[in-house]
């Protein structure tokens, strides 16, 4: 059975990368939850996809210019509260759901891995990134490693076979032979990020290990 991964929680249904969004995805019945990690200027890992704050918080500025205290001073409304990684992992303690942790920048890997190792998580974790330097730097961690690409190239295929156990593909290129090739090289094939009915249906028909979606409600219905 294809695993349905709530992309940034349930980004099409609730505020992305938030505890409220994670709760919504879990209530729907997802198999796994994906979230993004970046760091404040004082090195605190937080859950944020963009390098800037405006799209998700409505506040101008760059995360790399803020300490955690500055981020907290911006407010704590439920619709855009940015949790720390520690807060998210505490939320997931004793929750039997797989986590897909997407490291979005260099420099936050060590702190992210330390917190993951210290957390009392009840389910598997996949740590992945689209940045080759990040993937190389976490080669010896006690978690599965994933590599994500928007476009499949020969170089990305070779890199994935050498460094990862999960290979997440953009929605435009996968086909069944491609998924089978990934599986034959002892990797888990993921497809990201598909949100409309036709794209989700096509991705499910390819039978990858996982499908990442902002609309887990629709994906679960189609599965």
C-alpha atoms as a PDB file:
ATOM      1  CA  UNK A   1       0.000   0.000   0.000  1.00  0.00           C
ATOM      2  CA  UNK A   2       1.260   3.467  -0.884  1.00  0.00           C
ATOM      3  CA  UNK A   3       1.992   5.602   2.171  1.00  0.00           C
ATOM      4  CA  UNK A   4       0.269   8.982   2.241  1.00  0.00           C
ATOM      5  CA  UNK A   5       2.569  11.679   3.623  1.00  0.00           C
ATOM      6  CA  UNK A   6       1.031  14.927   4.817  1.00  0.00           C
ATOM      7  CA  UNK A   7       3.237  17.584   3.198  1.00  0.00           C
ATOM      8  CA  UNK A   8       4.125  20.204   5.834  1.00  0.00           C
ATOM      9  CA  UNK A   9       1.332  18.627   7.853  1.00  0.00           C
ATOM     10  CA  UNK A  10      -1.695  19.253   5.681  1.00  0.00           C
ATOM     11  CA  UNK A  11      -0.619  22.422   3.897  1.00  0.00           C
ATOM     12  CA  UNK A  12      -3.670  22.615   1.669  1.00  0.00           C
ATOM     13  CA  UNK A  13      -6.051  22.386   4.599  1.00  0.00           C
ATOM     14  CA  UNK A  14      -4.327  23.970   7.601  1.00  0.00           C
ATOM     15  CA  UNK A  15      -1.384  26.301   8.312  1.00  0.00           C
ATOM     16  CA  UNK A  16       1.776  24.561   7.121  1.00  0.00           C
ATOM     17  CA  UNK A  17       4.512  23.360   9.464  1.00  0.00           C
ATOM     18  CA  UNK A  18       2.364  23.992  12.531  1.00  0.00           C
ATOM     19  CA  UNK A  19       1.207  21.772  15.357  1.00  0.00           C
ATOM     20  CA  UNK A  20      -2.378  22.514  14.379  1.00  0.00           C
ATOM     21  CA  UNK A  21      -1.648  21.327  10.851  1.00  0.00           C
ATOM     22  CA  UNK A  22      -0.015  18.147  12.146  1.00  0.00           C
ATOM     23  CA  UNK A  23      -3.038  17.411  14.312  1.00  0.00           C
ATOM     24  CA  UNK A  24      -5.333  17.865  11.330  1.00  0.00           C
ATOM     25  CA  UNK A  25      -3.255  15.473   9.221  1.00  0.00           C
ATOM     26  CA  UNK A  26      -3.182  12.857  11.957  1.00  0.00           C
ATOM     27  CA  UNK A  27      -6.937  13.111  12.410  1.00  0.00           C
ATOM     28  CA  UNK A  28      -7.337  12.418   8.683  1.00  0.00           C
ATOM     29  CA  UNK A  29      -5.306   9.229   9.024  1.00  0.00           C
ATOM     30  CA  UNK A  30      -2.033   9.944   7.199  1.00  0.00           C
ATOM     31  CA  UNK A  31       0.766   7.397   7.356  1.00  0.00           C
ATOM     32  CA  UNK A  32       3.517   9.993   7.790  1.00  0.00           C
ATOM     33  CA  UNK A  33       4.078  13.709   8.201  1.00  0.00           C
ATOM     34  CA  UNK A  34       6.721  15.808   6.471  1.00  0.00           C
ATOM     35  CA  UNK A  35       8.020  19.102   7.826  1.00  0.00           C
ATOM     36  CA  UNK A  36      10.834  21.551   7.071  1.00  0.00           C
ATOM     37  CA  UNK A  37      13.694  22.688   9.283  1.00  0.00           C
ATOM     38  CA  UNK A  38      15.687  25.906   9.194  1.00  0.00           C
ATOM     39  CA  UNK A  39      17.619  27.727  11.928  1.00  0.00           C
ATOM     40  CA  UNK A  40      17.398  31.122  13.577  1.00  0.00           C
ATOM     41  CA  UNK A  41      20.562  33.198  13.775  1.00  0.00           C
ATOM     42  CA  UNK A  42      21.248  31.798  17.261  1.00  0.00           C
ATOM     43  CA  UNK A  43      21.121  28.262  15.891  1.00  0.00           C
ATOM     44  CA  UNK A  44      17.682  27.134  17.063  1.00  0.00           C
ATOM     45  CA  UNK A  45      16.051  24.714  14.615  1.00  0.00           C
ATOM     46  CA  UNK A  46      12.510  25.821  13.767  1.00  0.00           C
ATOM     47  CA  UNK A  47       9.867  24.591  11.345  1.00  0.00           C
ATOM     48  CA  UNK A  48       9.764  26.903   8.335  1.00  0.00           C
ATOM     49  CA  UNK A  49       9.929  26.189   4.614  1.00  0.00           C
ATOM     50  CA  UNK A  50      10.911  29.600   3.242  1.00  0.00           C
ATOM     51  CA  UNK A  51      14.006  31.571   4.144  1.00  0.00           C
ATOM     52  CA  UNK A  52      11.711  34.568   4.611  1.00  0.00           C
ATOM     53  CA  UNK A  53       8.694  34.984   6.879  1.00  0.00           C
ATOM     54  CA  UNK A  54       6.229  36.915   4.767  1.00  0.00           C
ATOM     55  CA  UNK A  55       4.379  34.145   2.928  1.00  0.00           C
ATOM     56  CA  UNK A  56       3.520  32.098   5.979  1.00  0.00           C
ATOM     57  CA  UNK A  57       3.517  34.653   8.799  1.00  0.00           C
ATOM     58  CA  UNK A  58       2.603  37.889   7.061  1.00  0.00           C
ATOM     59  CA  UNK A  59       5.691  39.536   8.568  1.00  0.00           C
ATOM     60  CA  UNK A  60       8.546  40.847   6.448  1.00  0.00           C
ATOM     61  CA  UNK A  61      12.065  39.684   7.183  1.00  0.00           C
ATOM     62  CA  UNK A  62      14.485  36.783   6.960  1.00  0.00           C
ATOM     63  CA  UNK A  63      14.699  33.993   9.485  1.00  0.00           C
ATOM     64  CA  UNK A  64      18.509  34.124   9.414  1.00  0.00           C
ATOM     65  CA  UNK A  65      18.351  37.654  10.837  1.00  0.00           C
ATOM     66  CA  UNK A  66      16.283  36.668  13.880  1.00  0.00           C
ATOM     67  CA  UNK A  67      17.050  35.011  17.172  1.00  0.00           C
ATOM     68  CA  UNK A  68      14.381  32.744  18.606  1.00  0.00           C
ATOM     69  CA  UNK A  69      13.365  35.490  21.030  1.00  0.00           C
ATOM     70  CA  UNK A  70      12.834  37.854  18.088  1.00  0.00           C
ATOM     71  CA  UNK A  71      10.661  35.276  16.355  1.00  0.00           C
ATOM     72  CA  UNK A  72       8.607  34.782  19.486  1.00  0.00           C
ATOM     73  CA  UNK A  73       8.219  38.543  19.912  1.00  0.00           C
ATOM     74  CA  UNK A  74       6.439  38.726  16.561  1.00  0.00           C
ATOM     75  CA  UNK A  75       3.415  37.023  18.109  1.00  0.00           C
ATOM     76  CA  UNK A  76       1.943  33.613  18.742  1.00  0.00           C
ATOM     77  CA  UNK A  77      -1.347  33.525  16.870  1.00  0.00           C
ATOM     78  CA  UNK A  78      -2.395  29.965  16.129  1.00  0.00           C
ATOM     79  CA  UNK A  79      -2.619  30.634  12.402  1.00  0.00           C
ATOM     80  CA  UNK A  80       1.109  31.265  11.982  1.00  0.00           C
ATOM     81  CA  UNK A  81       2.966  30.273  15.127  1.00  0.00           C
ATOM     82  CA  UNK A  82       6.365  28.883  14.074  1.00  0.00           C
ATOM     83  CA  UNK A  83       7.229  25.947  16.336  1.00  0.00           C
ATOM     84  CA  UNK A  84      10.741  24.974  17.255  1.00  0.00           C
ATOM     85  CA  UNK A  85      11.917  21.509  16.275  1.00  0.00           C
ATOM     86  CA  UNK A  86      11.991  20.625  19.954  1.00  0.00           C
ATOM     87  CA  UNK A  87       8.322  21.596  20.336  1.00  0.00           C
ATOM     88  CA  UNK A  88       7.387  19.529  17.295  1.00  0.00           C
ATOM     89  CA  UNK A  89       9.283  16.463  18.494  1.00  0.00           C
ATOM     90  CA  UNK A  90       7.676  16.745  21.929  1.00  0.00           C
ATOM     91  CA  UNK A  91       4.311  16.807  20.178  1.00  0.00           C
ATOM     92  CA  UNK A  92       5.180  13.619  18.289  1.00  0.00           C
ATOM     93  CA  UNK A  93       6.431  11.679  21.317  1.00  0.00           C
ATOM     94  CA  UNK A  94       4.501   8.435  21.665  1.00  0.00           C
ATOM     95  CA  UNK A  95       2.738   9.196  18.368  1.00  0.00           C
ATOM     96  CA  UNK A  96       3.124   6.143  16.078  1.00  0.00           C
ATOM     97  CA  UNK A  97       3.529   8.075  12.854  1.00  0.00           C
ATOM     98  CA  UNK A  98       6.554   8.201  10.564  1.00  0.00           C
ATOM     99  CA  UNK A  99       8.289  11.585  10.292  1.00  0.00           C
ATOM    100  CA  UNK A 100       9.965  12.939   7.158  1.00  0.00           C
ATOM    101  CA  UNK A 101      12.308  15.736   8.226  1.00  0.00           C
ATOM    102  CA  UNK A 102      13.390  18.001   5.367  1.00  0.00           C
ATOM    103  CA  UNK A 103      16.532  20.011   6.151  1.00  0.00           C
ATOM    104  CA  UNK A 104      16.278  23.151   4.028  1.00  0.00           C
ATOM    105  CA  UNK A 105      19.724  24.691   4.567  1.00  0.00           C
ATOM    106  CA  UNK A 106      23.281  23.876   5.542  1.00  0.00           C
ATOM    107  CA  UNK A 107      24.412  24.498   9.091  1.00  0.00           C
ATOM    108  CA  UNK A 108      21.344  23.141  10.884  1.00  0.00           C
ATOM    109  CA  UNK A 109      22.106  19.438  10.385  1.00  0.00           C
ATOM    110  CA  UNK A 110      23.983  18.785  13.633  1.00  0.00           C
ATOM    111  CA  UNK A 111      21.410  20.457  15.870  1.00  0.00           C
ATOM    112  CA  UNK A 112      18.583  18.696  14.049  1.00  0.00           C
ATOM    113  CA  UNK A 113      20.162  15.266  14.435  1.00  0.00           C
ATOM    114  CA  UNK A 114      20.952  15.872  18.129  1.00  0.00           C
ATOM    115  CA  UNK A 115      17.334  16.707  18.856  1.00  0.00           C
ATOM    116  CA  UNK A 116      16.028  13.769  16.841  1.00  0.00           C
ATOM    117  CA  UNK A 117      18.332  11.387  18.704  1.00  0.00           C
ATOM    118  CA  UNK A 118      17.228  12.791  22.065  1.00  0.00           C
ATOM    119  CA  UNK A 119      13.514  12.640  21.289  1.00  0.00           C
ATOM    120  CA  UNK A 120      11.341   9.775  22.504  1.00  0.00           C
ATOM    121  CA  UNK A 121       9.839   9.021  19.115  1.00  0.00           C
ATOM    122  CA  UNK A 122       7.705   5.945  18.665  1.00  0.00           C
ATOM    123  CA  UNK A 123       7.975   5.619  14.883  1.00  0.00           C
ATOM    124  CA  UNK A 124      10.683   5.697  12.173  1.00  0.00           C
ATOM    125  CA  UNK A 125      12.278   8.910  10.948  1.00  0.00           C
ATOM    126  CA  UNK A 126      13.560   9.759   7.480  1.00  0.00           C
ATOM    127  CA  UNK A 127      15.909  12.741   7.343  1.00  0.00           C
ATOM    128  CA  UNK A 128      16.226  14.139   3.855  1.00  0.00           C
ATOM    129  CA  UNK A 129      17.222  17.168   1.838  1.00  0.00           C
ATOM    130  CA  UNK A 130      17.525  18.438  -1.699  1.00  0.00           C
ATOM    131  CA  UNK A 131      20.981  19.808  -0.858  1.00  0.00           C
ATOM    132  CA  UNK A 132      23.771  17.299  -1.617  1.00  0.00           C
ATOM    133  CA  UNK A 133      26.078  18.820   1.013  1.00  0.00           C
ATOM    134  CA  UNK A 134      23.447  18.220   3.676  1.00  0.00           C
ATOM    135  CA  UNK A 135      22.873  14.632   2.576  1.00  0.00           C
ATOM    136  CA  UNK A 136      26.610  13.925   2.680  1.00  0.00           C
ATOM    137  CA  UNK A 137      26.967  15.480   6.122  1.00  0.00           C
ATOM    138  CA  UNK A 138      24.368  13.168   7.682  1.00  0.00           C
ATOM    139  CA  UNK A 139      25.721   9.954   6.219  1.00  0.00           C
ATOM    140  CA  UNK A 140      26.358   8.317   9.594  1.00  0.00           C
ATOM    141  CA  UNK A 141      23.149   9.234  11.420  1.00  0.00           C
ATOM    142  CA  UNK A 142      20.964   6.461  12.928  1.00  0.00           C
ATOM    143  CA  UNK A 143      18.035   7.325  10.653  1.00  0.00           C
ATOM    144  CA  UNK A 144      17.104   6.603   7.072  1.00  0.00           C
ATOM    145  CA  UNK A 145      18.436   9.249   4.695  1.00  0.00           C
ATOM    146  CA  UNK A 146      16.490  10.650   1.769  1.00  0.00           C
ATOM    147  CA  UNK A 147      17.428  12.763  -1.227  1.00  0.00           C
ATOM    148  CA  UNK A 148      14.794  14.826  -3.006  1.00  0.00           C
ATOM    149  CA  UNK A 149      14.987  16.292  -6.503  1.00  0.00           C
ATOM    150  CA  UNK A 150      12.653  18.336  -8.674  1.00  0.00           C
ATOM    151  CA  UNK A 151      14.207  16.942 -11.858  1.00  0.00           C
ATOM    152  CA  UNK A 152      15.765  13.521 -12.296  1.00  0.00           C
ATOM    153  CA  UNK A 153      19.218  13.509 -13.871  1.00  0.00           C
ATOM    154  CA  UNK A 154      21.910  10.866 -14.217  1.00  0.00           C
ATOM    155  CA  UNK A 155      23.914  12.677 -11.539  1.00  0.00           C
ATOM    156  CA  UNK A 156      21.024  12.721  -9.094  1.00  0.00           C
ATOM    157  CA  UNK A 157      20.355   9.028  -9.635  1.00  0.00           C
ATOM    158  CA  UNK A 158      23.993   8.139  -8.977  1.00  0.00           C
ATOM    159  CA  UNK A 159      24.108  10.391  -5.927  1.00  0.00           C
ATOM    160  CA  UNK A 160      20.952   8.841  -4.493  1.00  0.00           C
ATOM    161  CA  UNK A 161      22.227   5.275  -4.888  1.00  0.00           C
ATOM    162  CA  UNK A 162      25.440   6.217  -3.079  1.00  0.00           C
ATOM    163  CA  UNK A 163      24.012   8.254  -0.210  1.00  0.00           C
ATOM    164  CA  UNK A 164      20.312   7.604   0.399  1.00  0.00           C
ATOM    165  CA  UNK A 165      17.720   4.943   1.089  1.00  0.00           C
ATOM    166  CA  UNK A 166      14.819   7.138   0.014  1.00  0.00           C
ATOM    167  CA  UNK A 167      14.625   9.029  -3.286  1.00  0.00           C
ATOM    168  CA  UNK A 168      11.849  11.608  -3.554  1.00  0.00           C
ATOM    169  CA  UNK A 169      10.964  12.722  -7.072  1.00  0.00           C
ATOM    170  CA  UNK A 170       9.127  15.769  -8.331  1.00  0.00           C
ATOM    171  CA  UNK A 171       5.691  15.081  -9.828  1.00  0.00           C
ATOM    172  CA  UNK A 172       6.515  15.739 -13.486  1.00  0.00           C
ATOM    173  CA  UNK A 173       8.898  12.897 -14.320  1.00  0.00           C
ATOM    174  CA  UNK A 174       8.125   9.634 -12.506  1.00  0.00           C
ATOM    175  CA  UNK A 175       6.943   6.572 -14.383  1.00  0.00           C
ATOM    176  CA  UNK A 176       6.625   2.942 -13.336  1.00  0.00           C
ATOM    177  CA  UNK A 177      10.023   1.881 -14.774  1.00  0.00           C
ATOM    178  CA  UNK A 178      11.611   4.754 -12.862  1.00  0.00           C
ATOM    179  CA  UNK A 179       9.965   3.704  -9.619  1.00  0.00           C
ATOM    180  CA  UNK A 180      11.028   0.103 -10.230  1.00  0.00           C
ATOM    181  CA  UNK A 181      14.620   1.223 -10.915  1.00  0.00           C
ATOM    182  CA  UNK A 182      14.699   3.008  -7.575  1.00  0.00           C
ATOM    183  CA  UNK A 183      13.308  -0.048  -5.798  1.00  0.00           C
ATOM    184  CA  UNK A 184      15.796  -2.341  -7.546  1.00  0.00           C
ATOM    185  CA  UNK A 185      18.563  -0.194  -6.058  1.00  0.00           C
ATOM    186  CA  UNK A 186      17.198  -0.821  -2.540  1.00  0.00           C
ATOM    187  CA  UNK A 187      15.677   2.624  -2.163  1.00  0.00           C
ATOM    188  CA  UNK A 188      12.178   3.792  -1.294  1.00  0.00           C
ATOM    189  CA  UNK A 189      10.585   5.845  -4.060  1.00  0.00           C
ATOM    190  CA  UNK A 190       8.595   8.921  -3.073  1.00  0.00           C
ATOM    191  CA  UNK A 191       6.653  11.340  -5.274  1.00  0.00           C
ATOM    192  CA  UNK A 192       6.216  14.994  -4.261  1.00  0.00           C
ATOM    193  CA  UNK A 193       4.215  17.161  -4.226  1.00  0.00           C
ATOM    194  CA  UNK A 194       0.910  16.200  -5.848  1.00  0.00           C
ATOM    195  CA  UNK A 195      -2.310  17.966  -4.946  1.00  0.00           C
ATOM    196  CA  UNK A 196      -4.939  17.732  -7.689  1.00  0.00           C
ATOM    197  CA  UNK A 197      -7.116  14.679  -8.300  1.00  0.00           C
ATOM    198  CA  UNK A 198      -5.416  13.578 -11.536  1.00  0.00           C
ATOM    199  CA  UNK A 199      -1.856  14.004 -10.257  1.00  0.00           C
ATOM    200  CA  UNK A 200      -2.572  12.126  -7.053  1.00  0.00           C
ATOM    201  CA  UNK A 201      -4.330   9.329  -8.935  1.00  0.00           C
ATOM    202  CA  UNK A 202      -1.466   8.946 -11.414  1.00  0.00           C
ATOM    203  CA  UNK A 203       1.100   8.919  -8.620  1.00  0.00           C
ATOM    204  CA  UNK A 204      -0.794   6.253  -6.689  1.00  0.00           C
ATOM    205  CA  UNK A 205      -0.986   4.092  -9.805  1.00  0.00           C
ATOM    206  CA  UNK A 206       2.825   4.090 -10.004  1.00  0.00           C
ATOM    207  CA  UNK A 207       2.873   2.330  -6.601  1.00  0.00           C
ATOM    208  CA  UNK A 208       5.800   4.164  -5.004  1.00  0.00           C
ATOM    209  CA  UNK A 209       6.638   3.828  -1.334  1.00  0.00           C
ATOM    210  CA  UNK A 210       5.065   7.202  -0.603  1.00  0.00           C
ATOM    211  CA  UNK A 211       3.160  10.127  -2.059  1.00  0.00           C
ATOM    212  CA  UNK A 212       3.579  13.573  -0.508  1.00  0.00           C
ATOM    213  CA  UNK A 213       0.593  15.872  -0.734  1.00  0.00           C
ATOM    214  CA  UNK A 214      -0.913  19.074   0.635  1.00  0.00           C
ATOM    215  CA  UNK A 215      -4.294  17.354   0.320  1.00  0.00           C
ATOM    216  CA  UNK A 216      -4.018  14.159   2.341  1.00  0.00           C
ATOM    217  CA  UNK A 217      -7.800  14.044   2.566  1.00  0.00           C
ATOM    218  CA  UNK A 218      -8.060  13.622  -1.207  1.00  0.00           C
ATOM    219  CA  UNK A 219      -5.123  11.218  -1.419  1.00  0.00           C
ATOM    220  CA  UNK A 220      -6.544   8.976   1.296  1.00  0.00           C
ATOM    221  CA  UNK A 221      -9.901   8.937  -0.445  1.00  0.00           C
ATOM    222  CA  UNK A 222      -8.332   7.989  -3.774  1.00  0.00           C
ATOM    223  CA  UNK A 223      -6.105   5.329  -2.250  1.00  0.00           C
END
